[in-house]
PDB file of N, CA and C in Angstrom:
ATOM      1  N   MET A   1     -20.412  90.789 146.743  1.00  0.00           N
ATOM      2  CA  MET A   1     -19.939  90.014 145.635  1.00  0.00           C
ATOM      3  C   MET A   1     -18.371  89.958 145.376  1.00  0.00           C
ATOM      4  N   ALA A   2     -17.930  91.308 145.639  1.00  0.00           N
ATOM      5  CA  ALA A   2     -16.315  91.453 145.429  1.00  0.00           C
ATOM      6  C   ALA A   2     -15.704  90.959 146.580  1.00  0.00           C
ATOM      7  N   ASP A   3     -16.290  91.145 147.858  1.00  0.00           N
ATOM      8  CA  ASP A   3     -15.738  90.570 148.865  1.00  0.00           C
ATOM      9  C   ASP A   3     -15.432  88.845 148.753  1.00  0.00           C
ATOM     10  N   GLY A   4     -16.772  88.321 148.263  1.00  0.00           N
ATOM     11  CA  GLY A   4     -16.576  86.675 148.026  1.00  0.00           C
ATOM     12  C   GLY A   4     -15.611  86.403 147.083  1.00  0.00           C
ATOM     13  N   VAL A   5     -15.546  87.176 146.109  1.00  0.00           N
ATOM     14  CA  VAL A   5     -14.461  86.974 144.909  1.00  0.00           C
ATOM     15  C   VAL A   5     -13.034  86.995 145.505  1.00  0.00           C
ATOM     16  N   SER A   6     -12.964  88.031 146.107  1.00  0.00           N
ATOM     17  CA  SER A   6     -11.481  88.444 146.985  1.00  0.00           C
ATOM     18  C   SER A   6     -11.099  87.235 148.085  1.00  0.00           C
ATOM     19  N   GLU A   7     -11.970  86.842 148.544  1.00  0.00           N
ATOM     20  CA  GLU A   7     -11.817  85.658 149.452  1.00  0.00           C
ATOM     21  C   GLU A   7     -11.716  84.403 148.909  1.00  0.00           C
ATOM     22  N   PHE A   8     -12.409  84.339 147.639  1.00  0.00           N
ATOM     23  CA  PHE A   8     -11.972  83.121 147.011  1.00  0.00           C
ATOM     24  C   PHE A   8     -10.590  82.973 146.545  1.00  0.00           C
ATOM     25  N   LEU A   9     -10.353  84.136 145.762  1.00  0.00           N
ATOM     26  CA  LEU A   9      -8.856  84.176 145.189  1.00  0.00           C
ATOM     27  C   LEU A   9      -7.895  84.119 146.362  1.00  0.00           C
ATOM     28  N   THR A  10      -8.029  84.646 147.320  1.00  0.00           N
ATOM     29  CA  THR A  10      -6.947  84.506 148.473  1.00  0.00           C
ATOM     30  C   THR A  10      -6.904  82.955 148.917  1.00  0.00           C
ATOM     31  N   GLU A  11      -8.032  82.408 149.092  1.00  0.00           N
ATOM     32  CA  GLU A  11      -8.058  81.057 149.410  1.00  0.00           C
ATOM     33  C   GLU A  11      -7.532  80.299 148.459  1.00  0.00           C
ATOM     34  N   LYS A  12      -7.751  80.550 147.320  1.00  0.00           N
ATOM     35  CA  LYS A  12      -6.993  79.749 146.282  1.00  0.00           C
ATOM     36  C   LYS A  12      -5.676  79.994 146.101  1.00  0.00           C
ATOM     37  N   LEU A  13      -5.115  81.187 146.260  1.00  0.00           N
ATOM     38  CA  LEU A  13      -3.739  81.396 146.223  1.00  0.00           C
ATOM     39  C   LEU A  13      -2.950  80.675 147.371  1.00  0.00           C
ATOM     40  N   GLY A  14      -3.773  80.478 148.415  1.00  0.00           N
ATOM     41  CA  GLY A  14      -3.134  80.105 149.461  1.00  0.00           C
ATOM     42  C   GLY A  14      -3.012  78.683 149.301  1.00  0.00           C
ATOM     43  N   GLU A  15      -4.077  78.039 148.853  1.00  0.00           N
ATOM     44  CA  GLU A  15      -4.118  76.557 148.542  1.00  0.00           C
ATOM     45  C   GLU A  15      -2.881  76.421 147.741  1.00  0.00           C
ATOM     46  N   TYR A  16      -2.689  77.133 146.545  1.00  0.00           N
ATOM     47  CA  TYR A  16      -1.589  76.918 145.543  1.00  0.00           C
ATOM     48  C   TYR A  16      -0.224  76.851 146.380  1.00  0.00           C
ATOM     49  N   HIS A  17       0.048  77.854 147.357  1.00  0.00           N
ATOM     50  CA  HIS A  17       1.018  78.002 147.866  1.00  0.00           C
ATOM     51  C   HIS A  17       1.340  76.845 148.730  1.00  0.00           C
ATOM     52  N   ILE A  18       0.377  76.367 149.529  1.00  0.00           N
ATOM     53  CA  ILE A  18       0.680  75.207 150.232  1.00  0.00           C
ATOM     54  C   ILE A  18       0.872  73.922 149.429  1.00  0.00           C
ATOM     55  N   LEU A  19       0.222  73.734 148.433  1.00  0.00           N
ATOM     56  CA  LEU A  19       0.275  72.408 147.562  1.00  0.00           C
ATOM     57  C   LEU A  19       1.631  72.594 146.783  1.00  0.00           C
ATOM     58  N   ALA A  20       1.989  73.966 146.246  1.00  0.00           N
ATOM     59  CA  ALA A  20       3.320  74.019 145.565  1.00  0.00           C
ATOM     60  C   ALA A  20       4.527  73.870 146.221  1.00  0.00           C
ATOM     61  N   ALA A  21       4.573  74.270 147.751  1.00  0.00           N
ATOM     62  CA  ALA A  21       5.836  74.141 148.429  1.00  0.00           C
ATOM     63  C   ALA A  21       6.606  72.967 148.512  1.00  0.00           C
ATOM     64  N   PRO A  22       6.068  71.750 148.477  1.00  0.00           N
ATOM     65  CA  PRO A  22       6.483  70.569 148.608  1.00  0.00           C
ATOM     66  C   PRO A  22       7.238  70.247 147.147  1.00  0.00           C
ATOM     67  N   LEU A  23       6.524  70.650 146.134  1.00  0.00           N
ATOM     68  CA  LEU A  23       6.822  70.254 144.741  1.00  0.00           C
ATOM     69  C   LEU A  23       8.263  71.358 144.583  1.00  0.00           C
ATOM     70  N   GLU A  24       8.100  72.547 144.898  1.00  0.00           N
ATOM     71  CA  GLU A  24       9.318  73.175 144.806  1.00  0.00           C
ATOM     72  C   GLU A  24      10.560  72.890 145.396  1.00  0.00           C
ATOM     73  N   ARG A  25      10.217  72.377 146.911  1.00  0.00           N
ATOM     74  CA  ARG A  25      11.303  71.792 147.651  1.00  0.00           C
ATOM     75  C   ARG A  25      12.013  70.682 146.954  1.00  0.00           C
ATOM     76  N   ALA A  26      11.087  69.917 146.421  1.00  0.00           N
ATOM     77  CA  ALA A  26      11.578  68.460 145.702  1.00  0.00           C
ATOM     78  C   ALA A  26      12.346  68.869 144.515  1.00  0.00           C
ATOM     79  N   MET A  27      11.912  69.984 143.723  1.00  0.00           N
ATOM     80  CA  MET A  27      12.640  70.440 142.467  1.00  0.00           C
ATOM     81  C   MET A  27      14.114  71.013 142.985  1.00  0.00           C
ATOM     82  N   ARG A  28      14.237  71.736 143.966  1.00  0.00           N
ATOM     83  CA  ARG A  28      15.366  72.139 144.619  1.00  0.00           C
ATOM     84  C   ARG A  28      16.396  71.042 144.881  1.00  0.00           C
ATOM     85  N   GLU A  29      15.741  70.061 145.617  1.00  0.00           N
ATOM     86  CA  GLU A  29      16.598  68.685 145.911  1.00  0.00           C
ATOM     87  C   GLU A  29      16.869  68.117 144.672  1.00  0.00           C
ATOM     88  N   MET A  30      16.261  67.994 143.727  1.00  0.00           N
ATOM     89  CA  MET A  30      16.574  67.273 142.476  1.00  0.00           C
ATOM     90  C   MET A  30      17.698  67.965 141.736  1.00  0.00           C
ATOM     91  N   GLU A  31      17.535  69.260 141.734  1.00  0.00           N
ATOM     92  CA  GLU A  31      18.499  70.179 141.211  1.00  0.00           C
ATOM     93  C   GLU A  31      19.969  69.995 141.855  1.00  0.00           C
ATOM     94  N   TYR A  32      19.882  69.926 143.321  1.00  0.00           N
ATOM     95  CA  TYR A  32      21.090  69.597 143.844  1.00  0.00           C
ATOM     96  C   TYR A  32      21.678  68.215 143.744  1.00  0.00           C
ATOM     97  N   ALA A  33      20.905  67.222 143.729  1.00  0.00           N
ATOM     98  CA  ALA A  33      21.326  65.934 143.357  1.00  0.00           C
ATOM     99  C   ALA A  33      21.797  65.670 141.887  1.00  0.00           C
ATOM    100  N   HIS A  34      21.447  66.579 141.088  1.00  0.00           N
ATOM    101  CA  HIS A  34      21.921  66.516 139.658  1.00  0.00           C
ATOM    102  C   HIS A  34      23.484  67.312 139.632  1.00  0.00           C
ATOM    103  N   GLN A  35      23.396  68.241 140.351  1.00  0.00           N
ATOM    104  CA  GLN A  35      24.867  68.953 140.593  1.00  0.00           C
ATOM    105  C   GLN A  35      25.761  67.983 141.173  1.00  0.00           C
ATOM    106  N   LEU A  36      25.414  67.242 142.128  1.00  0.00           N
ATOM    107  CA  LEU A  36      26.329  66.360 142.791  1.00  0.00           C
ATOM    108  C   LEU A  36      26.547  65.276 141.698  1.00  0.00           C
ATOM    109  N   LEU A  37      25.624  64.743 141.023  1.00  0.00           N
ATOM    110  CA  LEU A  37      25.949  63.904 139.895  1.00  0.00           C
ATOM    111  C   LEU A  37      26.989  64.353 139.017  1.00  0.00           C
ATOM    112  N   ARG A  38      26.472  65.471 138.456  1.00  0.00           N
ATOM    113  CA  ARG A  38      27.476  66.036 137.504  1.00  0.00           C
ATOM    114  C   ARG A  38      29.042  66.196 138.127  1.00  0.00           C
ATOM    115  N   ALA A  39      28.904  66.646 139.078  1.00  0.00           N
ATOM    116  CA  ALA A  39      30.428  66.678 139.814  1.00  0.00           C
ATOM    117  C   ALA A  39      31.218  65.509 139.955  1.00  0.00           C
ATOM    118  N   ARG A  40      30.283  64.506 140.429  1.00  0.00           N
ATOM    119  CA  ARG A  40      30.820  63.166 140.443  1.00  0.00           C
ATOM    120  C   ARG A  40      31.512  62.430 139.131  1.00  0.00           C
ATOM    121  N   ILE A  41      30.642  62.656 138.204  1.00  0.00           N
ATOM    122  CA  ILE A  41      31.125  61.957 136.945  1.00  0.00           C
ATOM    123  C   ILE A  41      32.122  62.993 136.184  1.00  0.00           C
ATOM    124  N   GLU A  42      32.254  64.209 136.349  1.00  0.00           N
ATOM    125  CA  GLU A  42      33.281  65.330 136.055  1.00  0.00           C
ATOM    126  C   GLU A  42      34.450  64.909 136.793  1.00  0.00           C
ATOM    127  N   HIS A  43      34.545  64.560 138.054  1.00  0.00           N
ATOM    128  CA  HIS A  43      35.692  64.124 138.828  1.00  0.00           C
ATOM    129  C   HIS A  43      36.203  62.764 138.158  1.00  0.00           C
ATOM    130  N   GLU A  44      35.256  61.807 138.013  1.00  0.00           N
ATOM    131  CA  GLU A  44      35.785  60.463 137.547  1.00  0.00           C
ATOM    132  C   GLU A  44      36.293  60.523 136.152  1.00  0.00           C
ATOM    133  N   ILE A  45      35.859  61.402 135.457  1.00  0.00           N
ATOM    134  CA  ILE A  45      36.432  61.475 134.007  1.00  0.00           C
ATOM    135  C   ILE A  45      37.869  62.195 134.104  1.00  0.00           C
ATOM    136  N   CYS A  46      37.966  63.266 135.142  1.00  0.00           N
ATOM    137  CA  CYS A  46      39.288  63.938 135.285  1.00  0.00           C
ATOM    138  C   CYS A  46      40.212  62.867 135.666  1.00  0.00           C
ATOM    139  N   ASP A  47      39.932  62.128 136.547  1.00  0.00           N
ATOM    140  CA  ASP A  47      40.803  60.944 137.401  1.00  0.00           C
ATOM    141  C   ASP A  47      41.212  59.765 135.724  1.00  0.00           C
ATOM    142  N   HIS A  48      40.244  59.706 135.065  1.00  0.00           N
ATOM    143  CA  HIS A  48      40.611  58.580 134.006  1.00  0.00           C
ATOM    144  C   HIS A  48      41.253  59.327 132.849  1.00  0.00           C
ATOM    145  N   VAL A  49      40.808  60.500 132.389  1.00  0.00           N
ATOM    146  CA  VAL A  49      41.369  61.352 131.102  1.00  0.00           C
ATOM    147  C   VAL A  49      41.828  62.574 131.856  1.00  0.00           C
ATOM    148  N   PRO A  50      42.909  62.727 132.432  1.00  0.00           N
ATOM    149  CA  PRO A  50      43.438  63.939 132.945  1.00  0.00           C
ATOM    150  C   PRO A  50      43.568  65.366 131.859  1.00  0.00           C
ATOM    151  N   ALA A  51      43.928  64.759 130.641  1.00  0.00           N
ATOM    152  CA  ALA A  51      43.843  65.903 129.767  1.00  0.00           C
ATOM    153  C   ALA A  51      42.414  66.691 129.717  1.00  0.00           C
ATOM    154  N   LEU A  52      41.309  66.020 129.687  1.00  0.00           N
ATOM    155  CA  LEU A  52      40.061  66.568 129.585  1.00  0.00           C
ATOM    156  C   LEU A  52      39.929  67.621 130.934  1.00  0.00           C
ATOM    157  N   GLY A  53      40.329  67.069 132.077  1.00  0.00           N
ATOM    158  CA  GLY A  53      40.273  67.993 133.208  1.00  0.00           C
ATOM    159  C   GLY A  53      41.127  69.114 133.019  1.00  0.00           C
ATOM    160  N   ALA A  54      42.462  69.100 132.454  1.00  0.00           N
ATOM    161  CA  ALA A  54      43.231  70.221 132.332  1.00  0.00           C
ATOM    162  C   ALA A  54      42.567  71.270 131.274  1.00  0.00           C
ATOM    163  N   LEU A  55      41.893  70.609 130.272  1.00  0.00           N
ATOM    164  CA  LEU A  55      41.371  71.480 129.390  1.00  0.00           C
ATOM    165  C   LEU A  55      40.256  72.281 130.014  1.00  0.00           C
ATOM    166  N   ALA A  56      39.433  71.298 130.494  1.00  0.00           N
ATOM    167  CA  ALA A  56      38.216  72.174 131.285  1.00  0.00           C
ATOM    168  C   ALA A  56      38.593  73.356 132.029  1.00  0.00           C
ATOM    169  N   ASP A  57      39.670  73.067 133.106  1.00  0.00           N
ATOM    170  CA  ASP A  57      40.079  74.201 133.861  1.00  0.00           C
ATOM    171  C   ASP A  57      40.602  75.214 132.943  1.00  0.00           C
ATOM    172  N   ILE A  58      41.365  74.952 132.078  1.00  0.00           N
ATOM    173  CA  ILE A  58      42.176  76.305 131.212  1.00  0.00           C
ATOM    174  C   ILE A  58      41.034  76.968 130.543  1.00  0.00           C
ATOM    175  N   LEU A  59      40.254  76.262 129.866  1.00  0.00           N
ATOM    176  CA  LEU A  59      39.049  77.151 129.193  1.00  0.00           C
ATOM    177  C   LEU A  59      37.683  77.481 130.086  1.00  0.00           C
ATOM    178  N   ASP A  60      37.934  77.049 131.374  1.00  0.00           N
ATOM    179  CA  ASP A  60      36.557  77.026 132.383  1.00  0.00           C
ATOM    180  C   ASP A  60      35.242  76.513 131.460  1.00  0.00           C
ATOM    181  N   ILE A  61      35.269  75.235 131.430  1.00  0.00           N
ATOM    182  CA  ILE A  61      34.202  74.600 130.767  1.00  0.00           C
ATOM    183  C   ILE A  61      34.026  73.498 131.522  1.00  0.00           C
ATOM    184  N   SER A  62      32.660  72.914 131.322  1.00  0.00           N
ATOM    185  CA  SER A  62      32.245  71.695 131.838  1.00  0.00           C
ATOM    186  C   SER A  62      32.793  70.494 130.928  1.00  0.00           C
ATOM    187  N   ILE A  63      33.292  69.586 131.435  1.00  0.00           N
ATOM    188  CA  ILE A  63      33.753  68.552 130.815  1.00  0.00           C
ATOM    189  C   ILE A  63      32.374  67.720 130.012  1.00  0.00           C
ATOM    190  N   ILE A  64      31.258  67.635 130.985  1.00  0.00           N
ATOM    191  CA  ILE A  64      29.954  67.014 130.177  1.00  0.00           C
ATOM    192  C   ILE A  64      29.647  67.855 129.116  1.00  0.00           C
ATOM    193  N   ASP A  65      29.520  69.157 129.409  1.00  0.00           N
ATOM    194  CA  ASP A  65      29.152  70.050 128.377  1.00  0.00           C
ATOM    195  C   ASP A  65      29.807  69.685 126.903  1.00  0.00           C
ATOM    196  N   LEU A  66      31.180  69.669 127.378  1.00  0.00           N
ATOM    197  CA  LEU A  66      31.965  69.380 126.030  1.00  0.00           C
ATOM    198  C   LEU A  66      31.908  67.775 125.369  1.00  0.00           C
ATOM    199  N   LEU A  67      31.677  67.005 126.202  1.00  0.00           N
ATOM    200  CA  LEU A  67      31.344  65.709 125.626  1.00  0.00           C
ATOM    201  C   LEU A  67      29.908  65.583 125.035  1.00  0.00           C
ATOM    202  N   ASP A  68      29.097  66.434 125.632  1.00  0.00           N
ATOM    203  CA  ASP A  68      27.497  66.268 124.978  1.00  0.00           C
ATOM    204  C   ASP A  68      27.475  67.166 123.756  1.00  0.00           C
ATOM    205  N   ALA A  69      28.542  68.018 123.377  1.00  0.00           N
ATOM    206  CA  ALA A  69      28.364  68.960 122.158  1.00  0.00           C
ATOM    207  C   ALA A  69      28.361  68.031 121.041  1.00  0.00           C
ATOM    208  N   PRO A  70      27.595  68.645 120.182  1.00  0.00           N
ATOM    209  CA  PRO A  70      27.470  67.768 118.841  1.00  0.00           C
ATOM    210  C   PRO A  70      28.856  67.931 118.202  1.00  0.00           C
ATOM    211  N   ASP A  71      29.337  69.096 118.100  1.00  0.00           N
ATOM    212  CA  ASP A  71      30.664  68.775 117.503  1.00  0.00           C
ATOM    213  C   ASP A  71      31.717  69.533 118.678  1.00  0.00           C
ATOM    214  N   ARG A  72      32.447  68.336 119.103  1.00  0.00           N
ATOM    215  CA  ARG A  72      33.301  68.909 120.122  1.00  0.00           C
ATOM    216  C   ARG A  72      34.495  69.690 119.915  1.00  0.00           C
ATOM    217  N   TYR A  73      34.981  69.689 118.777  1.00  0.00           N
ATOM    218  CA  TYR A  73      36.108  70.500 118.121  1.00  0.00           C
ATOM    219  C   TYR A  73      35.604  71.806 118.148  1.00  0.00           C
ATOM    220  N   ASP A  74      34.430  72.014 117.446  1.00  0.00           N
ATOM    221  CA  ASP A  74      33.712  73.501 117.485  1.00  0.00           C
ATOM    222  C   ASP A  74      33.539  74.019 118.927  1.00  0.00           C
ATOM    223  N   PHE A  75      33.183  73.074 119.819  1.00  0.00           N
ATOM    224  CA  PHE A  75      32.955  73.442 121.190  1.00  0.00           C
ATOM    225  C   PHE A  75      34.076  74.116 121.708  1.00  0.00           C
ATOM    226  N   VAL A  76      35.362  73.432 121.509  1.00  0.00           N
ATOM    227  CA  VAL A  76      36.533  73.773 122.264  1.00  0.00           C
ATOM    228  C   VAL A  76      37.062  75.028 121.300  1.00  0.00           C
ATOM    229  N   ARG A  77      36.899  75.069 120.065  1.00  0.00           N
ATOM    230  CA  ARG A  77      37.225  76.302 119.421  1.00  0.00           C
ATOM    231  C   ARG A  77      36.383  77.383 119.970  1.00  0.00           C
ATOM    232  N   ASP A  78      35.155  77.348 120.124  1.00  0.00           N
ATOM    233  CA  ASP A  78      34.454  78.549 120.519  1.00  0.00           C
ATOM    234  C   ASP A  78      34.864  78.948 122.007  1.00  0.00           C
ATOM    235  N   SER A  79      35.059  77.805 122.897  1.00  0.00           N
ATOM    236  CA  SER A  79      35.487  78.120 124.238  1.00  0.00           C
ATOM    237  C   SER A  79      36.740  78.863 124.090  1.00  0.00           C
ATOM    238  N   MET A  80      37.670  78.473 123.411  1.00  0.00           N
ATOM    239  CA  MET A  80      39.055  79.093 123.256  1.00  0.00           C
ATOM    240  C   MET A  80      38.748  80.588 122.858  1.00  0.00           C
ATOM    241  N   ARG A  81      37.937  80.705 121.682  1.00  0.00           N
ATOM    242  CA  ARG A  81      37.753  82.125 121.419  1.00  0.00           C
ATOM    243  C   ARG A  81      37.153  83.026 122.558  1.00  0.00           C
ATOM    244  N   LYS A  82      36.121  82.531 123.089  1.00  0.00           N
ATOM    245  CA  LYS A  82      35.529  83.274 124.312  1.00  0.00           C
ATOM    246  C   LYS A  82      36.588  83.633 125.297  1.00  0.00           C
ATOM    247  N   ALA A  83      37.715  82.516 125.715  1.00  0.00           N
ATOM    248  CA  ALA A  83      38.673  82.817 126.540  1.00  0.00           C
ATOM    249  C   ALA A  83      39.659  83.598 126.126  1.00  0.00           C
ATOM    250  N   GLY A  84      39.791  83.879 124.818  1.00  0.00           N
ATOM    251  CA  GLY A  84      40.724  84.929 124.163  1.00  0.00           C
ATOM    252  C   GLY A  84      42.010  83.951 124.149  1.00  0.00           C
ATOM    253  N   LEU A  85      41.948  82.707 123.928  1.00  0.00           N
ATOM    254  CA  LEU A  85      43.070  81.754 123.788  1.00  0.00           C
ATOM    255  C   LEU A  85      43.198  81.304 122.457  1.00  0.00           C
ATOM    256  N   THR A  86      44.474  81.284 121.982  1.00  0.00           N
ATOM    257  CA  THR A  86      44.962  80.366 120.558  1.00  0.00           C
ATOM    258  C   THR A  86      45.010  78.853 121.174  1.00  0.00           C
ATOM    259  N   THR A  87      44.964  78.057 119.918  1.00  0.00           N
ATOM    260  CA  THR A  87      45.414  76.845 120.203  1.00  0.00           C
ATOM    261  C   THR A  87      46.858  76.771 120.949  1.00  0.00           C
ATOM    262  N   ASP A  88      47.633  77.521 120.331  1.00  0.00           N
ATOM    263  CA  ASP A  88      48.998  77.358 120.996  1.00  0.00           C
ATOM    264  C   ASP A  88      49.049  77.815 122.262  1.00  0.00           C
ATOM    265  N   ASP A  89      48.109  78.641 122.918  1.00  0.00           N
ATOM    266  CA  ASP A  89      48.268  79.114 124.200  1.00  0.00           C
ATOM    267  C   ASP A  89      47.533  77.787 125.037  1.00  0.00           C
ATOM    268  N   VAL A  90      46.660  77.165 124.413  1.00  0.00           N
ATOM    269  CA  VAL A  90      46.019  76.209 125.133  1.00  0.00           C
ATOM    270  C   VAL A  90      46.943  75.088 125.178  1.00  0.00           C
ATOM    271  N   LEU A  91      47.641  74.598 124.286  1.00  0.00           N
ATOM    272  CA  LEU A  91      48.680  73.565 124.018  1.00  0.00           C
ATOM    273  C   LEU A  91      49.750  74.035 125.039  1.00  0.00           C
ATOM    274  N   GLN A  92      50.286  75.265 125.337  1.00  0.00           N
ATOM    275  CA  GLN A  92      51.129  75.761 125.958  1.00  0.00           C
ATOM    276  C   GLN A  92      50.732  75.581 127.754  1.00  0.00           C
ATOM    277  N   GLN A  93      49.601  75.905 128.051  1.00  0.00           N
ATOM    278  CA  GLN A  93      49.197  75.744 129.250  1.00  0.00           C
ATOM    279  C   GLN A  93      49.129  74.301 129.550  1.00  0.00           C
ATOM    280  N   LEU A  94      48.750  73.665 128.478  1.00  0.00           N
ATOM    281  CA  LEU A  94      48.631  72.084 128.886  1.00  0.00           C
ATOM    282  C   LEU A  94      49.848  71.427 129.479  1.00  0.00           C
ATOM    283  N   ARG A  95      50.846  71.907 128.611  1.00  0.00           N
ATOM    284  CA  ARG A  95      52.208  71.410 128.808  1.00  0.00           C
ATOM    285  C   ARG A  95      52.873  71.852 130.062  1.00  0.00           C
ATOM    286  N   VAL A  96      52.318  73.037 130.665  1.00  0.00           N
ATOM    287  CA  VAL A  96      52.860  73.330 131.889  1.00  0.00           C
ATOM    288  C   VAL A  96      51.998  72.951 132.801  1.00  0.00           C
ATOM    289  N   LEU A  97      50.713  72.966 132.873  1.00  0.00           N
ATOM    290  CA  LEU A  97      49.516  72.730 134.035  1.00  0.00           C
ATOM    291  C   LEU A  97      49.110  71.186 133.950  1.00  0.00           C
ATOM    292  N   GLY A  98      48.882  70.468 132.739  1.00  0.00           N
ATOM    293  CA  GLY A  98      48.264  69.565 132.518  1.00  0.00           C
ATOM    294  C   GLY A  98      49.269  68.098 132.631  1.00  0.00           C
ATOM    295  N   PRO A  99      48.607  66.938 132.487  1.00  0.00           N
ATOM    296  CA  PRO A  99      49.533  65.870 132.553  1.00  0.00           C
ATOM    297  C   PRO A  99      50.476  65.798 131.404  1.00  0.00           C
ATOM    298  N   PRO A 100      51.590  65.208 131.567  1.00  0.00           N
ATOM    299  CA  PRO A 100      52.629  65.185 130.248  1.00  0.00           C
ATOM    300  C   PRO A 100      51.790  64.853 128.964  1.00  0.00           C
ATOM    301  N   ALA A 101      50.990  63.805 128.976  1.00  0.00           N
ATOM    302  CA  ALA A 101      50.589  63.426 127.630  1.00  0.00           C
ATOM    303  C   ALA A 101      49.092  64.295 127.126  1.00  0.00           C
ATOM    304  N   ALA A 102      48.883  65.341 127.818  1.00  0.00           N
ATOM    305  CA  ALA A 102      47.699  65.992 127.701  1.00  0.00           C
ATOM    306  C   ALA A 102      47.462  66.609 126.184  1.00  0.00           C
ATOM    307  N   PRO A 103      48.371  67.206 125.630  1.00  0.00           N
ATOM    308  CA  PRO A 103      48.296  67.776 124.273  1.00  0.00           C
ATOM    309  C   PRO A 103      47.956  66.568 123.248  1.00  0.00           C
ATOM    310  N   ASP A 104      48.955  65.313 123.382  1.00  0.00           N
ATOM    311  CA  ASP A 104      48.471  64.168 122.380  1.00  0.00           C
ATOM    312  C   ASP A 104      47.182  63.507 122.712  1.00  0.00           C
ATOM    313  N   GLU A 105      46.861  63.407 124.072  1.00  0.00           N
ATOM    314  CA  GLU A 105      45.557  62.888 124.333  1.00  0.00           C
ATOM    315  C   GLU A 105      44.425  63.779 123.613  1.00  0.00           C
ATOM    316  N   LEU A 106      44.406  65.087 123.835  1.00  0.00           N
ATOM    317  CA  LEU A 106      43.426  65.815 123.233  1.00  0.00           C
ATOM    318  C   LEU A 106      43.635  65.805 121.851  1.00  0.00           C
ATOM    319  N   SER A 107      44.734  65.906 121.190  1.00  0.00           N
ATOM    320  CA  SER A 107      44.678  65.756 119.765  1.00  0.00           C
ATOM    321  C   SER A 107      44.160  64.267 119.075  1.00  0.00           C
ATOM    322  N   ALA A 108      44.235  63.224 119.945  1.00  0.00           N
ATOM    323  CA  ALA A 108      43.907  62.133 119.616  1.00  0.00           C
ATOM    324  C   ALA A 108      42.190  61.935 119.734  1.00  0.00           C
ATOM    325  N   LEU A 109      41.715  62.601 120.553  1.00  0.00           N
ATOM    326  CA  LEU A 109      40.435  63.018 120.626  1.00  0.00           C
ATOM    327  C   LEU A 109      39.707  63.854 119.598  1.00  0.00           C
ATOM    328  N   GLY A 110      40.601  64.305 119.149  1.00  0.00           N
ATOM    329  CA  GLY A 110      40.204  65.370 117.848  1.00  0.00           C
ATOM    330  C   GLY A 110      39.781  66.770 118.630  1.00  0.00           C
ATOM    331  N   LEU A 111      40.098  67.129 119.864  1.00  0.00           N
ATOM    332  CA  LEU A 111      39.575  68.372 120.394  1.00  0.00           C
ATOM    333  C   LEU A 111      40.513  69.291 120.305  1.00  0.00           C
ATOM    334  N   VAL A 112      41.930  69.438 119.795  1.00  0.00           N
ATOM    335  CA  VAL A 112      42.579  70.284 119.556  1.00  0.00           C
ATOM    336  C   VAL A 112      43.503  69.710 118.275  1.00  0.00           C
ATOM    337  N   SER A 113      44.229  70.680 117.826  1.00  0.00           N
ATOM    338  CA  SER A 113      44.939  70.315 116.694  1.00  0.00           C
ATOM    339  C   SER A 113      46.298  69.991 117.376  1.00  0.00           C
ATOM    340  N   GLY A 114      47.192  69.216 116.581  1.00  0.00           N
ATOM    341  CA  GLY A 114      48.551  68.764 117.351  1.00  0.00           C
ATOM    342  C   GLY A 114      49.485  69.898 116.837  1.00  0.00           C
ATOM    343  N   SER A 115      50.506  70.115 117.798  1.00  0.00           N
ATOM    344  CA  SER A 115      51.456  71.219 117.377  1.00  0.00           C
ATOM    345  C   SER A 115      52.619  70.572 116.745  1.00  0.00           C
TER     346      SER A 115
END
């Protein structure tokens, strides 16, 4: 009896692995496609709104995560806190690294306070 149960369990486990393999491969491919889509969209956003790209680089955040945040200003403030940066630090880095209008663009979007 124990041998029969053991064989049954081994067979079912093998069946599971055979049937799950294509699903797991498809999930990996979907995740990869999702990452490519995310990167493409973020790149396009950076091209059109360079200030967001500069801010994302400075804070090491995802533009999509920022734009998806229920409260973007709080998201930026929390990201600044995690990075150990003040608003003045971010604005200074934007002036140095970002496009000329970056601080004004981000203030207009309500993401940082104006200086």
